[in-house]
């Protein structure tokens, strides 16, 4: 059983009983990226698959900030959870949103799972910049089909799996067709805003001394991919200063997309952490 949650932040809830678990996706993703993991938990939990602001079916905004994203998710969880806190799981960009959510709204977070990202500034998102360049190069007004889009992205995105991931955001706008016009392709996520703010996406709002927060005192599992460099030993002190009850788990054979590369291992890790 599933139901959709409409509003500025769109979500899909699975399951009927058990602990509430909120899943937050990475840049250019959607809540449905967590479907395999969520379905495996839905017999004993209530997973909530969130489309973060400016992604999927959630509303577009006029500015990017991790604190703003976290505030939008907080409103959703406060409304849907009826006062019950969530296990919050966030990957990459979603991991940074999850960390800000726990720091700004600890009453909503029972425990936290941060997947292959750290509370630090990453100086370069070069790969994502190339992805943005490729997506912006597509002539959506004259694009005949998705297969053509895939071919035209190859010079910018050689990995077929990543191209497929990006192209899940390409949708037909049928509004014009209803009036006799031709359907037009469009990006479902706010490509203009996100592409213009890659520096902020690579940043971390607490990197400067301008803002201070109390540490999040709940249990935290910090999941790293063995073949990724988003979690490094020199980031550990920063992580533990904000999340003192952190346990680091590195999953062998996994890249940055840990839950996609090793879903069974990730699922077993999450089950143990969440008591499922």
Protein backbone atom coordinates (compact mmCIF):
# COMPACT_ATOMS: atom_id res chain seq x y z
CA UNK A 1 0.00 0.00 0.00
CA UNK A 2 1.22 3.50 -0.82
CA UNK A 3 -0.17 7.00 -0.74
CA UNK A 4 1.07 10.30 -2.09
CA UNK A 5 1.55 13.38 0.07
CA UNK A 6 0.83 16.57 -1.86
CA UNK A 7 2.23 19.96 -0.96
CA UNK A 8 5.27 22.15 -1.52
CA UNK A 9 7.36 19.08 -0.66
CA UNK A 10 5.94 16.01 -2.41
CA UNK A 11 6.35 12.55 -0.90
CA UNK A 12 5.15 8.97 -1.19
CA UNK A 13 4.48 6.89 1.92
CA UNK A 14 4.66 3.10 1.98
CA UNK A 15 3.64 0.71 4.74
CA UNK A 16 0.89 0.91 7.33
CA UNK A 17 2.54 0.42 10.71
CA UNK A 18 5.87 0.57 12.48
CA UNK A 19 8.61 3.17 12.79
CA UNK A 20 8.59 6.12 10.43
CA UNK A 21 11.58 6.36 8.10
CA UNK A 22 12.23 9.38 5.88
CA UNK A 23 14.45 8.96 2.80
CA UNK A 24 16.18 11.96 1.17
CA UNK A 25 17.80 11.63 -2.28
CA UNK A 26 20.87 13.25 -3.79
CA UNK A 27 21.31 15.99 -6.39
CA UNK A 28 19.14 15.51 -9.52
CA UNK A 29 17.41 12.56 -7.84
CA UNK A 30 13.88 11.87 -6.69
CA UNK A 31 12.31 10.10 -3.77
CA UNK A 32 11.64 7.06 -5.95
CA UNK A 33 15.40 6.41 -6.09
CA UNK A 34 14.92 4.80 -2.67
CA UNK A 35 12.03 2.54 -3.77
CA UNK A 36 13.92 -0.77 -3.61
CA UNK A 37 15.14 -0.12 -0.07
CA UNK A 38 11.80 1.30 1.06
CA UNK A 39 9.74 -1.62 -0.27
CA UNK A 40 11.97 -4.06 1.57
CA UNK A 41 11.15 -2.23 4.83
CA UNK A 42 7.46 -1.54 4.23
CA UNK A 43 6.28 -4.74 5.92
CA UNK A 44 7.50 -3.48 9.30
CA UNK A 45 7.95 0.29 8.89
CA UNK A 46 6.44 3.35 7.23
CA UNK A 47 8.98 4.67 4.70
CA UNK A 48 8.44 8.20 3.37
CA UNK A 49 10.12 8.89 0.02
CA UNK A 50 10.62 12.64 -0.31
CA UNK A 51 11.16 14.72 -3.44
CA UNK A 52 13.38 17.50 -2.13
CA UNK A 53 12.55 21.10 -3.14
CA UNK A 54 13.36 21.86 -6.80
CA UNK A 55 13.36 18.12 -7.57
CA UNK A 56 10.77 15.63 -8.76
CA UNK A 57 7.20 16.69 -8.09
CA UNK A 58 8.05 19.18 -5.35
CA UNK A 59 7.68 22.91 -5.86
CA UNK A 60 10.43 25.04 -7.35
CA UNK A 61 11.93 27.78 -5.21
CA UNK A 62 13.76 31.00 -5.96
CA UNK A 63 16.94 30.24 -4.02
CA UNK A 64 19.05 27.35 -2.80
CA UNK A 65 20.12 26.68 0.78
CA UNK A 66 20.50 23.56 2.87
CA UNK A 67 18.75 25.24 5.78
CA UNK A 68 15.82 26.10 3.51
CA UNK A 69 15.58 22.54 2.23
CA UNK A 70 15.71 21.20 5.78
CA UNK A 71 12.94 23.60 6.82
CA UNK A 72 10.72 22.32 4.02
CA UNK A 73 11.31 18.72 5.05
CA UNK A 74 10.71 19.64 8.71
CA UNK A 75 7.29 21.06 7.84
CA UNK A 76 6.44 17.84 6.01
CA UNK A 77 7.57 15.56 8.85
CA UNK A 78 5.84 17.63 11.54
CA UNK A 79 2.60 17.43 9.57
CA UNK A 80 2.75 13.78 8.51
CA UNK A 81 4.35 12.32 11.62
CA UNK A 82 1.77 13.65 14.08
CA UNK A 83 4.53 14.35 16.59
CA UNK A 84 6.30 11.01 16.09
CA UNK A 85 10.01 11.39 15.19
CA UNK A 86 11.54 9.75 12.12
CA UNK A 87 14.58 7.71 11.31
CA UNK A 88 16.06 10.02 8.65
CA UNK A 89 18.21 8.60 5.84
CA UNK A 90 19.94 10.97 3.42
CA UNK A 91 22.34 10.35 0.55
CA UNK A 92 24.83 12.94 -0.75
CA UNK A 93 22.96 16.26 -1.04
CA UNK A 94 20.11 14.59 0.85
CA UNK A 95 22.61 13.63 3.54
CA UNK A 96 23.51 17.27 4.06
CA UNK A 97 19.81 18.14 4.23
CA UNK A 98 19.34 15.33 6.75
CA UNK A 99 22.19 16.62 8.91
CA UNK A 100 20.79 20.17 8.89
CA UNK A 101 17.36 18.77 9.73
CA UNK A 102 18.77 16.93 12.75
CA UNK A 103 20.67 20.01 13.93
CA UNK A 104 17.85 22.50 13.39
CA UNK A 105 14.90 20.24 14.32
CA UNK A 106 16.24 17.46 16.58
CA UNK A 107 12.76 16.75 17.94
CA UNK A 108 11.79 15.37 14.51
CA UNK A 109 14.75 13.00 14.17
CA UNK A 110 14.85 9.80 16.23
CA UNK A 111 18.12 8.70 14.61
CA UNK A 112 20.12 9.66 11.55
CA UNK A 113 21.72 7.72 8.69
CA UNK A 114 24.11 9.83 6.57
CA UNK A 115 25.10 8.12 3.32
CA UNK A 116 28.43 8.95 1.69
CA UNK A 117 28.70 12.64 2.45
CA UNK A 118 30.32 14.74 5.18
CA UNK A 119 29.49 18.06 6.88
CA UNK A 120 32.23 19.87 4.97
CA UNK A 121 32.73 22.01 1.90
CA UNK A 122 33.68 20.12 -1.25
CA UNK A 123 35.77 22.47 -3.39
CA UNK A 124 34.80 20.94 -6.71
CA UNK A 125 31.69 19.34 -8.18
CA UNK A 126 33.35 19.05 -11.57
CA UNK A 127 31.42 15.95 -12.65
CA UNK A 128 28.09 17.55 -11.80
CA UNK A 129 29.11 20.70 -13.67
CA UNK A 130 29.67 18.56 -16.75
CA UNK A 131 26.28 16.91 -16.27
CA UNK A 132 24.62 20.33 -16.10
CA UNK A 133 26.44 21.44 -19.25
CA UNK A 134 25.19 18.36 -21.07
CA UNK A 135 21.59 18.68 -19.93
CA UNK A 136 21.52 22.36 -20.83
CA UNK A 137 22.91 21.57 -24.29
CA UNK A 138 19.80 19.57 -25.25
CA UNK A 139 17.41 21.44 -27.55
CA UNK A 140 14.19 20.49 -25.83
CA UNK A 141 12.01 22.30 -28.37
CA UNK A 142 13.21 20.00 -31.15
CA UNK A 143 14.06 16.83 -29.24
CA UNK A 144 12.26 13.90 -30.89
CA UNK A 145 12.60 11.29 -28.17
CA UNK A 146 14.43 10.17 -25.04
CA UNK A 147 16.80 7.94 -27.01
CA UNK A 148 18.09 10.99 -28.87
CA UNK A 149 18.62 12.80 -25.58
CA UNK A 150 20.63 9.83 -24.34
CA UNK A 151 22.88 9.86 -27.44
CA UNK A 152 23.43 13.62 -27.22
CA UNK A 153 24.45 13.36 -23.56
CA UNK A 154 27.22 10.83 -24.25
CA UNK A 155 30.00 13.43 -24.80
CA UNK A 156 29.18 14.92 -21.39
CA UNK A 157 28.21 11.79 -19.45
CA UNK A 158 29.98 8.63 -20.59
CA UNK A 159 28.47 6.39 -17.89
CA UNK A 160 25.18 4.92 -19.16
CA UNK A 161 23.81 4.38 -15.65
CA UNK A 162 24.35 8.04 -14.74
CA UNK A 163 22.77 9.16 -18.03
CA UNK A 164 19.71 7.06 -17.22
CA UNK A 165 19.62 8.58 -13.73
CA UNK A 166 19.72 12.12 -15.14
CA UNK A 167 17.17 11.42 -17.86
CA UNK A 168 14.58 10.24 -15.36
CA UNK A 169 14.06 14.00 -14.92
CA UNK A 170 13.10 14.51 -18.58
CA UNK A 171 9.33 14.65 -18.96
CA UNK A 172 6.80 15.40 -21.68
CA UNK A 173 4.67 18.46 -20.99
CA UNK A 174 1.24 17.47 -22.31
CA UNK A 175 -0.44 20.84 -21.61
CA UNK A 176 0.13 22.08 -25.14
CA UNK A 177 -1.01 18.80 -26.67
CA UNK A 178 -4.40 19.20 -25.00
CA UNK A 179 -4.91 22.36 -27.09
CA UNK A 180 -3.73 20.77 -30.30
CA UNK A 181 -0.05 21.64 -29.90
CA UNK A 182 2.85 19.22 -29.78
CA UNK A 183 4.02 17.88 -26.41
CA UNK A 184 7.26 19.53 -25.32
CA UNK A 185 10.07 18.00 -23.35
CA UNK A 186 11.05 19.73 -20.11
CA UNK A 187 13.21 19.10 -17.08
CA UNK A 188 11.18 18.14 -14.04
CA UNK A 189 13.81 19.46 -11.63
CA UNK A 190 14.80 23.12 -11.48
CA UNK A 191 17.89 22.75 -13.65
CA UNK A 192 18.49 26.49 -13.92
CA UNK A 193 18.58 27.07 -10.16
CA UNK A 194 20.50 23.91 -9.28
CA UNK A 195 23.01 24.36 -12.07
CA UNK A 196 23.65 27.96 -11.06
CA UNK A 197 24.31 27.00 -7.42
CA UNK A 198 26.73 24.10 -7.63
CA UNK A 199 29.17 25.95 -5.37
CA UNK A 200 26.52 26.20 -2.66
CA UNK A 201 25.54 22.56 -3.25
CA UNK A 202 29.15 21.59 -2.61
CA UNK A 203 29.25 23.82 0.45
CA UNK A 204 28.12 23.43 4.05
CA UNK A 205 26.26 26.18 5.91
CA UNK A 206 28.21 25.65 9.13
CA UNK A 207 31.66 25.79 7.51
CA UNK A 208 32.18 29.37 8.66
CA UNK A 209 32.15 30.54 12.26
CA UNK A 210 29.19 32.83 11.56
CA UNK A 211 26.62 30.29 12.72
CA UNK A 212 26.77 28.05 15.75
CA UNK A 213 24.48 25.13 16.56
CA UNK A 214 24.21 22.61 19.36
CA UNK A 215 25.32 19.09 18.44
CA UNK A 216 22.69 16.50 17.59
CA UNK A 217 22.78 14.01 20.47
CA UNK A 218 20.85 11.15 18.85
CA UNK A 219 22.43 8.02 17.35
CA UNK A 220 24.03 8.47 13.91
CA UNK A 221 25.36 5.96 11.42
CA UNK A 222 27.73 7.39 8.82
CA UNK A 223 27.81 5.09 5.80
CA UNK A 224 30.68 5.41 3.32
CA UNK A 225 31.35 3.72 0.00
CA UNK A 226 34.76 2.06 -0.11
CA UNK A 227 35.43 3.44 -3.61
CA UNK A 228 34.28 6.99 -2.87
CA UNK A 229 36.19 9.95 -1.44
CA UNK A 230 33.26 11.86 0.06
CA UNK A 231 34.03 10.43 3.51
CA UNK A 232 37.66 10.75 4.58
CA UNK A 233 39.53 10.31 7.87
CA UNK A 234 40.27 14.04 8.08
CA UNK A 235 36.52 14.78 8.09
CA UNK A 236 35.89 12.64 11.18
CA UNK A 237 36.58 15.33 13.78
CA UNK A 238 34.10 17.72 12.15
CA UNK A 239 31.49 14.99 11.90
CA UNK A 240 31.86 14.02 15.55
CA UNK A 241 31.84 17.60 16.78
CA UNK A 242 28.32 17.95 15.38
CA UNK A 243 27.20 14.34 15.81
CA UNK A 244 29.06 12.91 18.82
CA UNK A 245 27.25 9.55 18.72
CA UNK A 246 28.47 8.71 15.23
CA UNK A 247 29.40 5.21 14.09
CA UNK A 248 31.24 4.93 10.75
CA UNK A 249 30.49 1.97 8.46
CA UNK A 250 32.33 1.52 5.16
CA UNK A 251 30.66 -0.75 2.60
CA UNK A 252 33.11 -2.69 0.46
CA UNK A 253 32.79 -2.50 -3.30
CA UNK A 254 30.47 0.52 -3.20
CA UNK A 255 30.94 3.84 -4.95
CA UNK A 256 29.23 7.10 -4.00
CA UNK A 257 25.87 5.49 -4.86
CA UNK A 258 26.17 3.04 -1.95
CA UNK A 259 22.54 1.89 -1.73
CA UNK A 260 22.39 1.28 -5.49
CA UNK A 261 25.72 -0.56 -5.70
CA UNK A 262 25.25 -2.81 -2.66
CA UNK A 263 21.54 -2.72 -1.80
CA UNK A 264 21.48 -5.92 0.28
CA UNK A 265 24.45 -4.86 2.42
CA UNK A 266 23.08 -1.35 2.83
CA UNK A 267 19.64 -2.70 3.75
CA UNK A 268 21.09 -5.04 6.38
CA UNK A 269 23.11 -2.14 7.82
CA UNK A 270 20.04 0.09 7.99
CA UNK A 271 17.87 -2.64 9.53
CA UNK A 272 20.36 -3.17 12.36
CA UNK A 273 20.69 0.55 12.99
CA UNK A 274 16.94 1.21 12.96
CA UNK A 275 16.05 -1.90 14.95
CA UNK A 276 14.15 -3.50 12.08
